[in-house]
Amino acid sequence: MQKVRPAVGSFFGHSPAANTQVDQEFYTLTVDLPGVSKDNVDLHIEGNTLYLTAKRTTAREVAEKDYYRMESYFGQLQRAFTLPTEVEGEQIDAKLKDGVLRITLPIKECSKSRRIAVR
């Protein structure tokens, strides 16, 4: 079974943390997107690459005296993942809850391991 890998190359920006898991049925990606609403998340596939773009906005700026301070990242977040060939691209599901985006990538039926009865 292949792995879901971070894509390297022409996709730049701040990269949110991501975790990948696999079982017999699905690959699962979880991506940390605190403070991002689902309206500011875009997922799309080109070839065998899954692209994630999100925008985290700030409600206000913190100004003190003559300096400006902001420790949290606000702006464009980007991440790309190279998908294995056994992913069923038309059945991908994504849900954003409590600042975590969960992307479920089903494995094609023909790619799943199974026992064959010997007669």
C-alpha atoms as a PDB file:
ATOM      1  CA  MET A   1       0.000   0.000   0.000  1.00  0.00           C
ATOM      2  CA  GLN A   2       1.342   3.399  -0.978  1.00  0.00           C
ATOM      3  CA  LYS A   3       1.443   6.443   1.292  1.00  0.00           C
ATOM      4  CA  VAL A   4      -0.140   9.880   1.140  1.00  0.00           C
ATOM      5  CA  ARG A   5       2.899  12.144   0.881  1.00  0.00           C
ATOM      6  CA  PRO A   6       3.341  15.892   1.172  1.00  0.00           C
ATOM      7  CA  ALA A   7       3.915  17.279  -2.295  1.00  0.00           C
ATOM      8  CA  VAL A   8       7.090  19.284  -2.828  1.00  0.00           C
ATOM      9  CA  GLY A   9       7.618  21.897  -5.452  1.00  0.00           C
ATOM     10  CA  SER A  10       5.556  24.694  -6.910  1.00  0.00           C
ATOM     11  CA  PHE A  11       3.020  25.197  -4.114  1.00  0.00           C
ATOM     12  CA  PHE A  12       4.201  27.766  -1.568  1.00  0.00           C
ATOM     13  CA  GLY A  13       2.736  29.417   1.525  1.00  0.00           C
ATOM     14  CA  HIS A  14       2.378  28.803   5.230  1.00  0.00           C
ATOM     15  CA  SER A  15       1.854  25.052   5.769  1.00  0.00           C
ATOM     16  CA  PRO A  16      -0.499  23.887   8.529  1.00  0.00           C
ATOM     17  CA  ALA A  17       0.377  20.750  10.492  1.00  0.00           C
ATOM     18  CA  ALA A  18      -1.101  17.537   9.087  1.00  0.00           C
ATOM     19  CA  ASN A  19      -1.330  13.901  10.170  1.00  0.00           C
ATOM     20  CA  THR A  20      -2.026  10.895   7.961  1.00  0.00           C
ATOM     21  CA  GLN A  21      -3.480   7.503   8.856  1.00  0.00           C
ATOM     22  CA  VAL A  22      -4.435   4.462   6.828  1.00  0.00           C
ATOM     23  CA  ASP A  23      -6.537   1.376   7.427  1.00  0.00           C
ATOM     24  CA  GLN A  24      -8.157  -1.163   5.086  1.00  0.00           C
ATOM     25  CA  GLU A  25     -10.946   1.214   4.028  1.00  0.00           C
ATOM     26  CA  PHE A  26      -9.569   4.762   4.063  1.00  0.00           C
ATOM     27  CA  TYR A  27      -6.636   7.122   4.132  1.00  0.00           C
ATOM     28  CA  THR A  28      -7.398   9.885   6.618  1.00  0.00           C
ATOM     29  CA  LEU A  29      -5.733  13.285   6.698  1.00  0.00           C
ATOM     30  CA  THR A  30      -6.239  15.603   9.658  1.00  0.00           C
ATOM     31  CA  VAL A  31      -5.056  19.170   9.219  1.00  0.00           C
ATOM     32  CA  ASP A  32      -4.886  21.766  12.000  1.00  0.00           C
ATOM     33  CA  LEU A  33      -6.805  24.883  10.928  1.00  0.00           C
ATOM     34  CA  PRO A  34      -7.643  26.767  14.133  1.00  0.00           C
ATOM     35  CA  GLY A  35      -9.642  29.928  13.563  1.00  0.00           C
ATOM     36  CA  VAL A  36     -10.531  29.033   9.957  1.00  0.00           C
ATOM     37  CA  SER A  37     -14.178  28.806   8.866  1.00  0.00           C
ATOM     38  CA  LYS A  38     -15.290  26.244   6.288  1.00  0.00           C
ATOM     39  CA  ASP A  39     -16.142  29.106   3.913  1.00  0.00           C
ATOM     40  CA  ASN A  40     -12.422  29.943   3.814  1.00  0.00           C
ATOM     41  CA  VAL A  41     -11.257  26.420   2.896  1.00  0.00           C
ATOM     42  CA  ASP A  42     -10.710  25.214  -0.672  1.00  0.00           C
ATOM     43  CA  LEU A  43      -9.831  21.610  -1.556  1.00  0.00           C
ATOM     44  CA  HIS A  44      -9.253  20.443  -5.100  1.00  0.00           C
ATOM     45  CA  ILE A  45      -7.488  17.656  -6.960  1.00  0.00           C
ATOM     46  CA  GLU A  46      -5.277  18.007 -10.011  1.00  0.00           C
ATOM     47  CA  GLY A  47      -3.978  14.689 -11.296  1.00  0.00           C
ATOM     48  CA  ASN A  48      -2.891  12.758  -8.217  1.00  0.00           C
ATOM     49  CA  THR A  49      -2.301  15.836  -6.039  1.00  0.00           C
ATOM     50  CA  LEU A  50      -4.748  17.125  -3.431  1.00  0.00           C
ATOM     51  CA  TYR A  51      -4.415  20.876  -2.853  1.00  0.00           C
ATOM     52  CA  LEU A  52      -5.593  22.599   0.312  1.00  0.00           C
ATOM     53  CA  THR A  53      -5.852  26.376   0.531  1.00  0.00           C
ATOM     54  CA  ALA A  54      -7.312  28.145   3.548  1.00  0.00           C
ATOM     55  CA  LYS A  55      -7.448  31.705   4.799  1.00  0.00           C
ATOM     56  CA  ARG A  56      -7.291  32.649   8.438  1.00  0.00           C
ATOM     57  CA  THR A  57      -8.492  36.171   9.138  1.00  0.00           C
ATOM     58  CA  THR A  58      -8.162  38.315  12.220  1.00  0.00           C
ATOM     59  CA  ALA A  59     -10.972  40.302  13.764  1.00  0.00           C
ATOM     60  CA  ARG A  60      -8.694  42.996  15.164  1.00  0.00           C
ATOM     61  CA  GLU A  61      -5.080  44.010  15.556  1.00  0.00           C
ATOM     62  CA  VAL A  62      -3.330  44.480  18.905  1.00  0.00           C
ATOM     63  CA  ALA A  63      -1.431  47.727  19.141  1.00  0.00           C
ATOM     64  CA  GLU A  64       0.540  48.810  22.190  1.00  0.00           C
ATOM     65  CA  LYS A  65       2.404  52.116  22.344  1.00  0.00           C
ATOM     66  CA  ASP A  66       4.755  52.374  19.354  1.00  0.00           C
ATOM     67  CA  TYR A  67       4.883  48.733  18.393  1.00  0.00           C
ATOM     68  CA  TYR A  68       2.686  46.125  16.862  1.00  0.00           C
ATOM     69  CA  ARG A  69       2.425  42.557  18.153  1.00  0.00           C
ATOM     70  CA  MET A  70       0.753  39.511  16.665  1.00  0.00           C
ATOM     71  CA  GLU A  71       1.966  36.019  17.532  1.00  0.00           C
ATOM     72  CA  SER A  72      -0.656  34.015  15.674  1.00  0.00           C
ATOM     73  CA  TYR A  73      -0.412  33.462  11.923  1.00  0.00           C
ATOM     74  CA  PHE A  74      -3.103  35.106   9.803  1.00  0.00           C
ATOM     75  CA  GLY A  75      -3.314  34.919   6.068  1.00  0.00           C
ATOM     76  CA  GLN A  76      -3.043  32.242   3.400  1.00  0.00           C
ATOM     77  CA  LEU A  77      -2.427  28.624   4.446  1.00  0.00           C
ATOM     78  CA  GLN A  78      -1.456  26.103   1.787  1.00  0.00           C
ATOM     79  CA  ARG A  79      -0.661  22.420   1.675  1.00  0.00           C
ATOM     80  CA  ALA A  80      -0.469  19.826  -1.089  1.00  0.00           C
ATOM     81  CA  PHE A  81      -0.480  16.033  -0.830  1.00  0.00           C
ATOM     82  CA  THR A  82       0.491  13.458  -3.442  1.00  0.00           C
ATOM     83  CA  LEU A  83      -2.190  10.777  -3.405  1.00  0.00           C
ATOM     84  CA  PRO A  84      -1.614   7.073  -3.997  1.00  0.00           C
ATOM     85  CA  THR A  85      -3.209   5.581  -7.101  1.00  0.00           C
ATOM     86  CA  GLU A  86      -5.602   3.470  -5.029  1.00  0.00           C
ATOM     87  CA  VAL A  87      -7.535   6.519  -3.723  1.00  0.00           C
ATOM     88  CA  GLU A  88     -11.103   6.831  -5.027  1.00  0.00           C
ATOM     89  CA  GLY A  89     -10.982  10.526  -5.956  1.00  0.00           C
ATOM     90  CA  GLU A  90     -14.710  10.946  -6.567  1.00  0.00           C
ATOM     91  CA  GLN A  91     -15.605   9.779  -3.040  1.00  0.00           C
ATOM     92  CA  ILE A  92     -13.353  12.081  -0.966  1.00  0.00           C
ATOM     93  CA  ASP A  93     -15.105  13.653   2.028  1.00  0.00           C
ATOM     94  CA  ALA A  94     -13.968  16.634   4.133  1.00  0.00           C
ATOM     95  CA  LYS A  95     -15.315  17.979   7.423  1.00  0.00           C
ATOM     96  CA  LEU A  96     -14.100  20.924   9.514  1.00  0.00           C
ATOM     97  CA  LYS A  97     -14.854  20.719  13.232  1.00  0.00           C
ATOM     98  CA  ASP A  98     -13.220  22.453  16.209  1.00  0.00           C
ATOM     99  CA  GLY A  99     -10.338  23.771  14.103  1.00  0.00           C
ATOM    100  CA  VAL A 100      -9.419  20.379  12.607  1.00  0.00           C
ATOM    101  CA  LEU A 101     -10.080  19.506   8.961  1.00  0.00           C
ATOM    102  CA  ARG A 102     -10.648  15.746   8.536  1.00  0.00           C
ATOM    103  CA  ILE A 103     -10.282  14.506   4.948  1.00  0.00           C
ATOM    104  CA  THR A 104     -11.373  10.927   4.296  1.00  0.00           C
ATOM    105  CA  LEU A 105      -9.972   9.310   1.147  1.00  0.00           C
ATOM    106  CA  PRO A 106     -11.605   5.952   0.350  1.00  0.00           C
ATOM    107  CA  ILE A 107      -9.432   3.165  -1.037  1.00  0.00           C
ATOM    108  CA  LYS A 108     -10.652   1.653  -4.309  1.00  0.00           C
ATOM    109  CA  GLU A 109     -12.332  -1.716  -3.910  1.00  0.00           C
ATOM    110  CA  CYS A 110      -9.848  -3.436  -6.238  1.00  0.00           C
ATOM    111  CA  SER A 111      -6.941  -2.176  -4.105  1.00  0.00           C
ATOM    112  CA  LYS A 112      -8.170  -3.614  -0.806  1.00  0.00           C
ATOM    113  CA  SER A 113      -6.606  -6.802   0.445  1.00  0.00           C
ATOM    114  CA  ARG A 114      -8.894  -9.810   0.804  1.00  0.00           C
ATOM    115  CA  ARG A 115      -8.727 -13.526   1.404  1.00  0.00           C
ATOM    116  CA  ILE A 116      -9.322 -15.912  -1.453  1.00  0.00           C
ATOM    117  CA  ALA A 117     -10.909 -19.222  -0.636  1.00  0.00           C
ATOM    118  CA  VAL A 118      -9.123 -22.257  -2.006  1.00  0.00           C
ATOM    119  CA  ARG A 119     -11.522 -24.979  -3.205  1.00  0.00           C
END
